[in-house]
Amino acid sequence: MPNLLDKDIGESHFYFNSQAPIKNNPAFVKLIKGFEPLEIEKEIVRVMCREINNRLNLSLVGFDLIRETKTGVYYLIDINYFPSFKGFEGFRETFHNHFYNRYKSFNKK
């Protein structure tokens, strides 16, 4: 999602359904044409995974990050404790392996 400023959409605020695809929202359509998402630093994702696991004891999550354009600082804005995994190639095998490994680690304790 591109940066949104009130001057870009002509409104000081607006509402949108966060569960619907952003490309279907009229306020965003003109802003996202030709928009290319930035690559996220993989190490940031690894750090977030470790922190979520260590602090919340969650090992199978989805999360949303945003990055401030000027500073490059990442912010965690959402944690989904049971994400959909839509479009995750090899999900079935990964899911099976994850639970099998977690089962083994709990049985060692």
PDB file of N, CA and C in Angstrom:
ATOM      1  N   MET A   1       0.847  -1.167   0.000  1.00  0.00           N
ATOM      2  CA  MET A   1       0.000   0.000   0.000  1.00  0.00           C
ATOM      3  C   MET A   1       0.895   1.234   0.000  1.00  0.00           C
ATOM      4  N   PRO A   2       0.648   2.151  -0.882  1.00  0.00           N
ATOM      5  CA  PRO A   2       1.476   3.357  -0.933  1.00  0.00           C
ATOM      6  C   PRO A   2       1.178   4.293   0.230  1.00  0.00           C
ATOM      7  N   ASN A   3       2.081   5.232   0.433  1.00  0.00           N
ATOM      8  CA  ASN A   3       1.828   6.255   1.449  1.00  0.00           C
ATOM      9  C   ASN A   3       0.575   7.022   1.065  1.00  0.00           C
ATOM     10  N   LEU A   4      -0.248   7.296   2.033  1.00  0.00           N
ATOM     11  CA  LEU A   4      -1.478   8.036   1.774  1.00  0.00           C
ATOM     12  C   LEU A   4      -1.457   9.330   2.556  1.00  0.00           C
ATOM     13  N   LEU A   5      -1.703  10.412   1.870  1.00  0.00           N
ATOM     14  CA  LEU A   5      -1.797  11.720   2.498  1.00  0.00           C
ATOM     15  C   LEU A   5      -3.183  12.274   2.216  1.00  0.00           C
ATOM     16  N   ASP A   6      -3.703  13.098   3.124  1.00  0.00           N
ATOM     17  CA  ASP A   6      -5.048  13.621   2.915  1.00  0.00           C
ATOM     18  C   ASP A   6      -5.167  14.388   1.607  1.00  0.00           C
ATOM     19  N   LYS A   7      -4.088  15.050   1.197  1.00  0.00           N
ATOM     20  CA  LYS A   7      -4.152  15.802  -0.064  1.00  0.00           C
ATOM     21  C   LYS A   7      -4.262  14.865  -1.271  1.00  0.00           C
ATOM     22  N   ASP A   8      -3.757  13.620  -1.128  1.00  0.00           N
ATOM     23  CA  ASP A   8      -3.819  12.661  -2.226  1.00  0.00           C
ATOM     24  C   ASP A   8      -5.231  12.164  -2.495  1.00  0.00           C
ATOM     25  N   ILE A   9      -6.027  12.031  -1.439  1.00  0.00           N
ATOM     26  CA  ILE A   9      -7.378  11.504  -1.619  1.00  0.00           C
ATOM     27  C   ILE A   9      -8.452  12.579  -1.489  1.00  0.00           C
ATOM     28  N   GLY A  10      -8.042  13.783  -1.128  1.00  0.00           N
ATOM     29  CA  GLY A  10      -8.984  14.891  -1.053  1.00  0.00           C
ATOM     30  C   GLY A  10      -9.874  14.870   0.185  1.00  0.00           C
ATOM     31  N   GLU A  11      -9.519  14.104   1.167  1.00  0.00           N
ATOM     32  CA  GLU A  11     -10.303  14.000   2.397  1.00  0.00           C
ATOM     33  C   GLU A  11      -9.362  14.045   3.595  1.00  0.00           C
ATOM     34  N   SER A  12      -9.871  14.524   4.723  1.00  0.00           N
ATOM     35  CA  SER A  12      -9.048  14.519   5.929  1.00  0.00           C
ATOM     36  C   SER A  12      -9.089  13.150   6.608  1.00  0.00           C
ATOM     37  N   HIS A  13     -10.125  12.366   6.320  1.00  0.00           N
ATOM     38  CA  HIS A  13     -10.220  10.997   6.834  1.00  0.00           C
ATOM     39  C   HIS A  13     -11.166  10.208   5.932  1.00  0.00           C
ATOM     40  N   PHE A  14     -11.110   8.919   6.038  1.00  0.00           N
ATOM     41  CA  PHE A  14     -11.998   8.059   5.256  1.00  0.00           C
ATOM     42  C   PHE A  14     -12.081   6.705   5.935  1.00  0.00           C
ATOM     43  N   TYR A  15     -13.082   5.958   5.585  1.00  0.00           N
ATOM     44  CA  TYR A  15     -13.271   4.631   6.143  1.00  0.00           C
ATOM     45  C   TYR A  15     -13.041   3.592   5.055  1.00  0.00           C
ATOM     46  N   PHE A  16     -12.530   2.452   5.451  1.00  0.00           N
ATOM     47  CA  PHE A  16     -12.407   1.351   4.512  1.00  0.00           C
ATOM     48  C   PHE A  16     -12.493   0.041   5.269  1.00  0.00           C
ATOM     49  N   ASN A  17     -12.891  -0.992   4.567  1.00  0.00           N
ATOM     50  CA  ASN A  17     -13.008  -2.322   5.144  1.00  0.00           C
ATOM     51  C   ASN A  17     -11.641  -2.982   5.085  1.00  0.00           C
ATOM     52  N   SER A  18     -11.027  -3.171   6.226  1.00  0.00           N
ATOM     53  CA  SER A  18      -9.675  -3.744   6.258  1.00  0.00           C
ATOM     54  C   SER A  18      -9.661  -5.218   5.886  1.00  0.00           C
ATOM     55  N   GLN A  19     -10.840  -5.838   5.816  1.00  0.00           N
ATOM     56  CA  GLN A  19     -10.913  -7.247   5.434  1.00  0.00           C
ATOM     57  C   GLN A  19     -11.088  -7.426   3.921  1.00  0.00           C
ATOM     58  N   ALA A  20     -11.350  -6.346   3.209  1.00  0.00           N
ATOM     59  CA  ALA A  20     -11.523  -6.415   1.757  1.00  0.00           C
ATOM     60  C   ALA A  20     -10.224  -6.007   1.070  1.00  0.00           C
ATOM     61  N   PRO A  21      -9.980  -6.531  -0.126  1.00  0.00           N
ATOM     62  CA  PRO A  21      -8.760  -6.156  -0.849  1.00  0.00           C
ATOM     63  C   PRO A  21      -8.701  -4.643  -1.083  1.00  0.00           C
ATOM     64  N   ILE A  22      -7.550  -4.081  -0.843  1.00  0.00           N
ATOM     65  CA  ILE A  22      -7.380  -2.630  -0.981  1.00  0.00           C
ATOM     66  C   ILE A  22      -7.628  -2.162  -2.413  1.00  0.00           C
ATOM     67  N   LYS A  23      -7.325  -3.021  -3.376  1.00  0.00           N
ATOM     68  CA  LYS A  23      -7.508  -2.636  -4.782  1.00  0.00           C
ATOM     69  C   LYS A  23      -8.976  -2.449  -5.149  1.00  0.00           C
ATOM     70  N   ASN A  24      -9.906  -2.891  -4.297  1.00  0.00           N
ATOM     71  CA  ASN A  24     -11.336  -2.721  -4.560  1.00  0.00           C
ATOM     72  C   ASN A  24     -11.903  -1.447  -3.941  1.00  0.00           C
ATOM     73  N   ASN A  25     -11.085  -0.697  -3.226  1.00  0.00           N
ATOM     74  CA  ASN A  25     -11.563   0.509  -2.563  1.00  0.00           C
ATOM     75  C   ASN A  25     -11.344   1.711  -3.470  1.00  0.00           C
ATOM     76  N   PRO A  26     -12.411   2.438  -3.801  1.00  0.00           N
ATOM     77  CA  PRO A  26     -12.276   3.582  -4.723  1.00  0.00           C
ATOM     78  C   PRO A  26     -11.281   4.647  -4.270  1.00  0.00           C
ATOM     79  N   ALA A  27     -11.121   4.823  -2.945  1.00  0.00           N
ATOM     80  CA  ALA A  27     -10.187   5.833  -2.445  1.00  0.00           C
ATOM     81  C   ALA A  27      -8.747   5.480  -2.786  1.00  0.00           C
ATOM     82  N   PHE A  28      -8.461   4.191  -2.947  1.00  0.00           N
ATOM     83  CA  PHE A  28      -7.093   3.753  -3.187  1.00  0.00           C
ATOM     84  C   PHE A  28      -6.782   3.453  -4.650  1.00  0.00           C
ATOM     85  N   VAL A  29      -7.810   3.207  -5.461  1.00  0.00           N
ATOM     86  CA  VAL A  29      -7.584   2.732  -6.832  1.00  0.00           C
ATOM     87  C   VAL A  29      -6.617   3.616  -7.604  1.00  0.00           C
ATOM     88  N   LYS A  30      -6.831   4.923  -7.594  1.00  0.00           N
ATOM     89  CA  LYS A  30      -5.960   5.815  -8.368  1.00  0.00           C
ATOM     90  C   LYS A  30      -4.546   5.875  -7.792  1.00  0.00           C
ATOM     91  N   LEU A  31      -4.400   5.593  -6.481  1.00  0.00           N
ATOM     92  CA  LEU A  31      -3.092   5.669  -5.852  1.00  0.00           C
ATOM     93  C   LEU A  31      -2.240   4.427  -6.068  1.00  0.00           C
ATOM     94  N   ILE A  32      -2.864   3.290  -6.278  1.00  0.00           N
ATOM     95  CA  ILE A  32      -2.095   2.051  -6.355  1.00  0.00           C
ATOM     96  C   ILE A  32      -1.776   1.612  -7.774  1.00  0.00           C
ATOM     97  N   LYS A  33      -2.305   2.314  -8.780  1.00  0.00           N
ATOM     98  CA  LYS A  33      -1.963   1.963 -10.153  1.00  0.00           C
ATOM     99  C   LYS A  33      -0.463   2.138 -10.358  1.00  0.00           C
ATOM    100  N   GLY A  34       0.196   1.061 -10.757  1.00  0.00           N
ATOM    101  CA  GLY A  34       1.624   1.110 -11.002  1.00  0.00           C
ATOM    102  C   GLY A  34       2.476   1.058  -9.749  1.00  0.00           C
ATOM    103  N   PHE A  35       1.839   0.942  -8.584  1.00  0.00           N
ATOM    104  CA  PHE A  35       2.594   0.889  -7.329  1.00  0.00           C
ATOM    105  C   PHE A  35       3.330  -0.438  -7.215  1.00  0.00           C
ATOM    106  N   GLU A  36       4.589  -0.375  -6.904  1.00  0.00           N
ATOM    107  CA  GLU A  36       5.408  -1.574  -6.703  1.00  0.00           C
ATOM    108  C   GLU A  36       5.785  -1.651  -5.231  1.00  0.00           C
ATOM    109  N   PRO A  37       5.419  -2.751  -4.563  1.00  0.00           N
ATOM    110  CA  PRO A  37       5.801  -2.865  -3.151  1.00  0.00           C
ATOM    111  C   PRO A  37       7.305  -2.974  -2.988  1.00  0.00           C
ATOM    112  N   LEU A  38       7.797  -2.459  -1.872  1.00  0.00           N
ATOM    113  CA  LEU A  38       9.222  -2.527  -1.582  1.00  0.00           C
ATOM    114  C   LEU A  38       9.572  -3.891  -1.010  1.00  0.00           C
ATOM    115  N   GLU A  39      10.791  -4.297  -1.234  1.00  0.00           N
ATOM    116  CA  GLU A  39      11.275  -5.542  -0.639  1.00  0.00           C
ATOM    117  C   GLU A  39      11.501  -5.315   0.849  1.00  0.00           C
ATOM    118  N   ILE A  40      11.062  -6.249   1.657  1.00  0.00           N
ATOM    119  CA  ILE A  40      11.293  -6.151   3.095  1.00  0.00           C
ATOM    120  C   ILE A  40      12.604  -6.863   3.413  1.00  0.00           C
ATOM    121  N   GLU A  41      13.299  -6.356   4.388  1.00  0.00           N
ATOM    122  CA  GLU A  41      14.555  -6.982   4.801  1.00  0.00           C
ATOM    123  C   GLU A  41      14.244  -8.295   5.506  1.00  0.00           C
ATOM    124  N   LYS A  42      14.766  -9.394   4.981  1.00  0.00           N
ATOM    125  CA  LYS A  42      14.470 -10.720   5.532  1.00  0.00           C
ATOM    126  C   LYS A  42      14.921 -10.860   6.980  1.00  0.00           C
ATOM    127  N   GLU A  43      15.986 -10.182   7.340  1.00  0.00           N
ATOM    128  CA  GLU A  43      16.458 -10.274   8.723  1.00  0.00           C
ATOM    129  C   GLU A  43      15.440  -9.660   9.688  1.00  0.00           C
ATOM    130  N   ILE A  44      14.742  -8.626   9.256  1.00  0.00           N
ATOM    131  CA  ILE A  44      13.692  -8.020  10.088  1.00  0.00           C
ATOM    132  C   ILE A  44      12.610  -9.053  10.364  1.00  0.00           C
ATOM    133  N   VAL A  45      12.222  -9.795   9.342  1.00  0.00           N
ATOM    134  CA  VAL A  45      11.194 -10.829   9.508  1.00  0.00           C
ATOM    135  C   VAL A  45      11.683 -11.898  10.485  1.00  0.00           C
ATOM    136  N   ARG A  46      12.923 -12.324  10.357  1.00  0.00           N
ATOM    137  CA  ARG A  46      13.470 -13.329  11.274  1.00  0.00           C
ATOM    138  C   ARG A  46      13.458 -12.833  12.722  1.00  0.00           C
ATOM    139  N   VAL A  47      13.863 -11.592  12.924  1.00  0.00           N
ATOM    140  CA  VAL A  47      13.879 -11.013  14.270  1.00  0.00           C
ATOM    141  C   VAL A  47      12.465 -10.964  14.835  1.00  0.00           C
ATOM    142  N   MET A  48      11.510 -10.534  14.032  1.00  0.00           N
ATOM    143  CA  MET A  48      10.131 -10.451  14.502  1.00  0.00           C
ATOM    144  C   MET A  48       9.596 -11.832  14.853  1.00  0.00           C
ATOM    145  N   CYS A  49       9.902 -12.829  14.047  1.00  0.00           N
ATOM    146  CA  CYS A  49       9.460 -14.201  14.341  1.00  0.00           C
ATOM    147  C   CYS A  49      10.015 -14.675  15.676  1.00  0.00           C
ATOM    148  N   ARG A  50      11.300 -14.434  15.896  1.00  0.00           N
ATOM    149  CA  ARG A  50      11.923 -14.844  17.169  1.00  0.00           C
ATOM    150  C   ARG A  50      11.285 -14.119  18.352  1.00  0.00           C
ATOM    151  N   GLU A  51      11.086 -12.810  18.201  1.00  0.00           N
ATOM    152  CA  GLU A  51      10.520 -12.020  19.303  1.00  0.00           C
ATOM    153  C   GLU A  51       9.087 -12.439  19.623  1.00  0.00           C
ATOM    154  N   ILE A  52       8.293 -12.664  18.607  1.00  0.00           N
ATOM    155  CA  ILE A  52       6.904 -13.090  18.823  1.00  0.00           C
ATOM    156  C   ILE A  52       6.894 -14.446  19.513  1.00  0.00           C
ATOM    157  N   ASN A  53       7.766 -15.340  19.066  1.00  0.00           N
ATOM    158  CA  ASN A  53       7.840 -16.661  19.684  1.00  0.00           C
ATOM    159  C   ASN A  53       8.304 -16.562  21.130  1.00  0.00           C
ATOM    160  N   ASN A  54       9.344 -15.794  21.392  1.00  0.00           N
ATOM    161  CA  ASN A  54       9.887 -15.676  22.746  1.00  0.00           C
ATOM    162  C   ASN A  54       8.945 -14.959  23.708  1.00  0.00           C
ATOM    163  N   ARG A  55       8.341 -13.897  23.263  1.00  0.00           N
ATOM    164  CA  ARG A  55       7.515 -13.086  24.163  1.00  0.00           C
ATOM    165  C   ARG A  55       6.095 -13.613  24.318  1.00  0.00           C
ATOM    166  N   LEU A  56       5.545 -14.191  23.243  1.00  0.00           N
ATOM    167  CA  LEU A  56       4.149 -14.622  23.281  1.00  0.00           C
ATOM    168  C   LEU A  56       3.978 -16.133  23.211  1.00  0.00           C
ATOM    169  N   ASN A  57       5.100 -16.837  23.034  1.00  0.00           N
ATOM    170  CA  ASN A  57       5.076 -18.292  22.903  1.00  0.00           C
ATOM    171  C   ASN A  57       4.168 -18.733  21.749  1.00  0.00           C
ATOM    172  N   LEU A  58       4.196 -17.980  20.667  1.00  0.00           N
ATOM    173  CA  LEU A  58       3.456 -18.327  19.456  1.00  0.00           C
ATOM    174  C   LEU A  58       4.466 -18.688  18.383  1.00  0.00           C
ATOM    175  N   SER A  59       4.237 -19.804  17.738  1.00  0.00           N
ATOM    176  CA  SER A  59       5.194 -20.226  16.722  1.00  0.00           C
ATOM    177  C   SER A  59       4.591 -20.294  15.322  1.00  0.00           C
ATOM    178  N   LEU A  60       3.304 -20.151  15.224  1.00  0.00           N
ATOM    179  CA  LEU A  60       2.636 -20.220  13.929  1.00  0.00           C
ATOM    180  C   LEU A  60       1.733 -18.998  13.809  1.00  0.00           C
ATOM    181  N   VAL A  61       2.279 -17.924  13.277  1.00  0.00           N
ATOM    182  CA  VAL A  61       1.559 -16.653  13.230  1.00  0.00           C
ATOM    183  C   VAL A  61       1.784 -15.967  11.890  1.00  0.00           C
ATOM    184  N   GLY A  62       0.955 -15.014  11.644  1.00  0.00           N
ATOM    185  CA  GLY A  62       1.182 -14.061  10.567  1.00  0.00           C
ATOM    186  C   GLY A  62       1.246 -12.700  11.217  1.00  0.00           C
ATOM    187  N   PHE A  63       1.985 -11.786  10.631  1.00  0.00           N
ATOM    188  CA  PHE A  63       2.037 -10.450  11.209  1.00  0.00           C
ATOM    189  C   PHE A  63       2.228  -9.434  10.097  1.00  0.00           C
ATOM    190  N   ASP A  64       1.833  -8.229  10.393  1.00  0.00           N
ATOM    191  CA  ASP A  64       1.932  -7.131   9.441  1.00  0.00           C
ATOM    192  C   ASP A  64       2.923  -6.111   9.956  1.00  0.00           C
ATOM    193  N   LEU A  65       3.795  -5.699   9.060  1.00  0.00           N
ATOM    194  CA  LEU A  65       4.769  -4.655   9.365  1.00  0.00           C
ATOM    195  C   LEU A  65       4.544  -3.497   8.409  1.00  0.00           C
ATOM    196  N   ILE A  66       4.803  -2.309   8.884  1.00  0.00           N
ATOM    197  CA  ILE A  66       4.879  -1.140   8.016  1.00  0.00           C
ATOM    198  C   ILE A  66       6.243  -0.511   8.229  1.00  0.00           C
ATOM    199  N   ARG A  67       6.678   0.254   7.248  1.00  0.00           N
ATOM    200  CA  ARG A  67       7.973   0.921   7.364  1.00  0.00           C
ATOM    201  C   ARG A  67       7.786   2.398   7.082  1.00  0.00           C
ATOM    202  N   GLU A  68       8.312   3.195   7.999  1.00  0.00           N
ATOM    203  CA  GLU A  68       8.253   4.639   7.805  1.00  0.00           C
ATOM    204  C   GLU A  68       9.234   5.018   6.704  1.00  0.00           C
ATOM    205  N   THR A  69       8.759   5.750   5.730  1.00  0.00           N
ATOM    206  CA  THR A  69       9.563   6.087   4.563  1.00  0.00           C
ATOM    207  C   THR A  69      10.806   6.894   4.923  1.00  0.00           C
ATOM    208  N   LYS A  70      10.651   7.908   5.767  1.00  0.00           N
ATOM    209  CA  LYS A  70      11.771   8.808   6.062  1.00  0.00           C
ATOM    210  C   LYS A  70      12.853   8.169   6.915  1.00  0.00           C
ATOM    211  N   THR A  71      12.449   7.364   7.909  1.00  0.00           N
ATOM    212  CA  THR A  71      13.444   6.815   8.838  1.00  0.00           C
ATOM    213  C   THR A  71      13.832   5.370   8.527  1.00  0.00           C
ATOM    214  N   GLY A  72      12.974   4.653   7.795  1.00  0.00           N
ATOM    215  CA  GLY A  72      13.228   3.242   7.519  1.00  0.00           C
ATOM    216  C   GLY A  72      12.895   2.339   8.693  1.00  0.00           C
ATOM    217  N   VAL A  73      12.302   2.903   9.768  1.00  0.00           N
ATOM    218  CA  VAL A  73      11.948   2.130  10.953  1.00  0.00           C
ATOM    219  C   VAL A  73      10.707   1.280  10.651  1.00  0.00           C
ATOM    220  N   TYR A  74      10.777   0.005  11.061  1.00  0.00           N
ATOM    221  CA  TYR A  74       9.641  -0.905  10.904  1.00  0.00           C
ATOM    222  C   TYR A  74       8.792  -0.887  12.165  1.00  0.00           C
ATOM    223  N   TYR A  75       7.483  -1.009  11.981  1.00  0.00           N
ATOM    224  CA  TYR A  75       6.549  -1.083  13.091  1.00  0.00           C
ATOM    225  C   TYR A  75       5.671  -2.307  12.919  1.00  0.00           C
ATOM    226  N   LEU A  76       5.513  -3.072  13.990  1.00  0.00           N
ATOM    227  CA  LEU A  76       4.615  -4.212  14.005  1.00  0.00           C
ATOM    228  C   LEU A  76       3.220  -3.680  14.281  1.00  0.00           C
ATOM    229  N   ILE A  77       2.274  -3.916  13.377  1.00  0.00           N
ATOM    230  CA  ILE A  77       0.943  -3.337  13.563  1.00  0.00           C
ATOM    231  C   ILE A  77      -0.146  -4.376  13.775  1.00  0.00           C
ATOM    232  N   ASP A  78       0.159  -5.655  13.516  1.00  0.00           N
ATOM    233  CA  ASP A  78      -0.879  -6.668  13.672  1.00  0.00           C
ATOM    234  C   ASP A  78      -0.231  -8.039  13.809  1.00  0.00           C
ATOM    235  N   ILE A  79      -0.771  -8.855  14.707  1.00  0.00           N
ATOM    236  CA  ILE A  79      -0.347 -10.245  14.839  1.00  0.00           C
ATOM    237  C   ILE A  79      -1.595 -11.106  14.681  1.00  0.00           C
ATOM    238  N   ASN A  80      -1.549 -12.026  13.753  1.00  0.00           N
ATOM    239  CA  ASN A  80      -2.659 -12.942  13.511  1.00  0.00           C
ATOM    240  C   ASN A  80      -2.252 -14.315  14.022  1.00  0.00           C
ATOM    241  N   TYR A  81      -2.869 -14.747  15.119  1.00  0.00           N
ATOM    242  CA  TYR A  81      -2.442 -16.003  15.731  1.00  0.00           C
ATOM    243  C   TYR A  81      -2.928 -17.230  14.969  1.00  0.00           C
ATOM    244  N   PHE A  82      -3.844 -17.067  14.040  1.00  0.00           N
ATOM    245  CA  PHE A  82      -4.222 -18.177  13.173  1.00  0.00           C
ATOM    246  C   PHE A  82      -4.456 -17.627  11.771  1.00  0.00           C
ATOM    247  N   PRO A  83      -3.378 -17.338  11.062  1.00  0.00           N
ATOM    248  CA  PRO A  83      -3.488 -16.734   9.728  1.00  0.00           C
ATOM    249  C   PRO A  83      -4.000 -17.727   8.695  1.00  0.00           C
ATOM    250  N   SER A  84      -4.369 -17.215   7.529  1.00  0.00           N
ATOM    251  CA  SER A  84      -4.974 -18.054   6.488  1.00  0.00           C
ATOM    252  C   SER A  84      -3.958 -18.832   5.659  1.00  0.00           C
ATOM    253  N   PHE A  85      -2.753 -18.333   5.523  1.00  0.00           N
ATOM    254  CA  PHE A  85      -1.705 -18.954   4.712  1.00  0.00           C
ATOM    255  C   PHE A  85      -2.095 -19.058   3.238  1.00  0.00           C
ATOM    256  N   LYS A  86      -2.976 -18.188   2.806  1.00  0.00           N
ATOM    257  CA  LYS A  86      -3.388 -18.146   1.406  1.00  0.00           C
ATOM    258  C   LYS A  86      -2.171 -17.858   0.533  1.00  0.00           C
ATOM    259  N   GLY A  87      -1.975 -18.671  -0.483  1.00  0.00           N
ATOM    260  CA  GLY A  87      -0.868 -18.471  -1.403  1.00  0.00           C
ATOM    261  C   GLY A  87       0.467 -18.988  -0.906  1.00  0.00           C
ATOM    262  N   PHE A  88       0.498 -19.679   0.217  1.00  0.00           N
ATOM    263  CA  PHE A  88       1.731 -20.205   0.796  1.00  0.00           C
ATOM    264  C   PHE A  88       2.061 -21.523   0.099  1.00  0.00           C
ATOM    265  N   GLU A  89       3.064 -21.502  -0.774  1.00  0.00           N
ATOM    266  CA  GLU A  89       3.454 -22.718  -1.482  1.00  0.00           C
ATOM    267  C   GLU A  89       4.053 -23.720  -0.508  1.00  0.00           C
ATOM    268  N   GLY A  90       3.663 -24.978  -0.627  1.00  0.00           N
ATOM    269  CA  GLY A  90       4.176 -26.021   0.244  1.00  0.00           C
ATOM    270  C   GLY A  90       3.651 -25.946   1.655  1.00  0.00           C
ATOM    271  N   PHE A  91       2.493 -25.289   1.824  1.00  0.00           N
ATOM    272  CA  PHE A  91       1.953 -25.079   3.164  1.00  0.00           C
ATOM    273  C   PHE A  91       1.696 -26.388   3.897  1.00  0.00           C
ATOM    274  N   ARG A  92       1.078 -27.342   3.228  1.00  0.00           N
ATOM    275  CA  ARG A  92       0.698 -28.599   3.895  1.00  0.00           C
ATOM    276  C   ARG A  92       1.918 -29.291   4.511  1.00  0.00           C
ATOM    277  N   GLU A  93       2.979 -29.408   3.752  1.00  0.00           N
ATOM    278  CA  GLU A  93       4.195 -30.056   4.253  1.00  0.00           C
ATOM    279  C   GLU A  93       4.838 -29.233   5.373  1.00  0.00           C
ATOM    280  N   THR A  94       4.901 -27.930   5.185  1.00  0.00           N
ATOM    281  CA  THR A  94       5.483 -27.049   6.206  1.00  0.00           C
ATOM    282  C   THR A  94       4.672 -27.122   7.499  1.00  0.00           C
ATOM    283  N   PHE A  95       3.364 -27.087   7.371  1.00  0.00           N
ATOM    284  CA  PHE A  95       2.464 -27.156   8.521  1.00  0.00           C
ATOM    285  C   PHE A  95       2.666 -28.479   9.273  1.00  0.00           C
ATOM    286  N   HIS A  96       2.700 -29.568   8.551  1.00  0.00           N
ATOM    287  CA  HIS A  96       2.903 -30.886   9.151  1.00  0.00           C
ATOM    288  C   HIS A  96       4.251 -30.946   9.891  1.00  0.00           C
ATOM    289  N   ASN A  97       5.308 -30.507   9.222  1.00  0.00           N
ATOM    290  CA  ASN A  97       6.640 -30.526   9.836  1.00  0.00           C
ATOM    291  C   ASN A  97       6.701 -29.666  11.088  1.00  0.00           C
ATOM    292  N   HIS A  98       6.078 -28.522  11.041  1.00  0.00           N
ATOM    293  CA  HIS A  98       6.070 -27.615  12.191  1.00  0.00           C
ATOM    294  C   HIS A  98       5.425 -28.290  13.403  1.00  0.00           C
ATOM    295  N   PHE A  99       4.246 -28.838  13.203  1.00  0.00           N
ATOM    296  CA  PHE A  99       3.558 -29.468  14.331  1.00  0.00           C
ATOM    297  C   PHE A  99       4.279 -30.715  14.823  1.00  0.00           C
ATOM    298  N   TYR A 100       4.845 -31.453  13.930  1.00  0.00           N
ATOM    299  CA  TYR A 100       5.598 -32.640  14.334  1.00  0.00           C
ATOM    300  C   TYR A 100       6.805 -32.233  15.185  1.00  0.00           C
ATOM    301  N   ASN A 101       7.527 -31.211  14.757  1.00  0.00           N
ATOM    302  CA  ASN A 101       8.691 -30.746  15.516  1.00  0.00           C
ATOM    303  C   ASN A 101       8.292 -30.150  16.867  1.00  0.00           C
ATOM    304  N   ARG A 102       7.187 -29.426  16.917  1.00  0.00           N
ATOM    305  CA  ARG A 102       6.702 -28.874  18.189  1.00  0.00           C
ATOM    306  C   ARG A 102       6.289 -30.004  19.133  1.00  0.00           C
ATOM    307  N   TYR A 103       5.640 -31.004  18.593  1.00  0.00           N
ATOM    308  CA  TYR A 103       5.233 -32.162  19.384  1.00  0.00           C
ATOM    309  C   TYR A 103       6.462 -32.845  19.990  1.00  0.00           C
ATOM    310  N   LYS A 104       7.480 -33.044  19.182  1.00  0.00           N
ATOM    311  CA  LYS A 104       8.705 -33.678  19.665  1.00  0.00           C
ATOM    312  C   LYS A 104       9.354 -32.837  20.760  1.00  0.00           C
ATOM    313  N   SER A 105       9.409 -31.517  20.576  1.00  0.00           N
ATOM    314  CA  SER A 105      10.059 -30.662  21.571  1.00  0.00           C
ATOM    315  C   SER A 105       9.291 -30.638  22.890  1.00  0.00           C
ATOM    316  N   PHE A 106       7.967 -30.695  22.857  1.00  0.00           N
ATOM    317  CA  PHE A 106       7.180 -30.722  24.088  1.00  0.00           C
ATOM    318  C   PHE A 106       7.319 -32.048  24.813  1.00  0.00           C
ATOM    319  N   ASN A 107       7.486 -33.116  24.084  1.00  0.00           N
ATOM    320  CA  ASN A 107       7.625 -34.439  24.705  1.00  0.00           C
ATOM    321  C   ASN A 107       8.985 -34.638  25.349  1.00  0.00           C
ATOM    322  N   LYS A 108       9.964 -33.822  24.989  1.00  0.00           N
ATOM    323  CA  LYS A 108      11.290 -33.914  25.605  1.00  0.00           C
ATOM    324  C   LYS A 108      11.297 -33.278  26.994  1.00  0.00           C
ATOM    325  N   LYS A 109      10.357 -32.398  27.254  1.00  0.00           N
ATOM    326  CA  LYS A 109      10.337 -31.639  28.528  1.00  0.00           C
ATOM    327  C   LYS A 109       9.809 -32.477  29.663  1.00  0.00           C
TER     328      LYS A 109
END
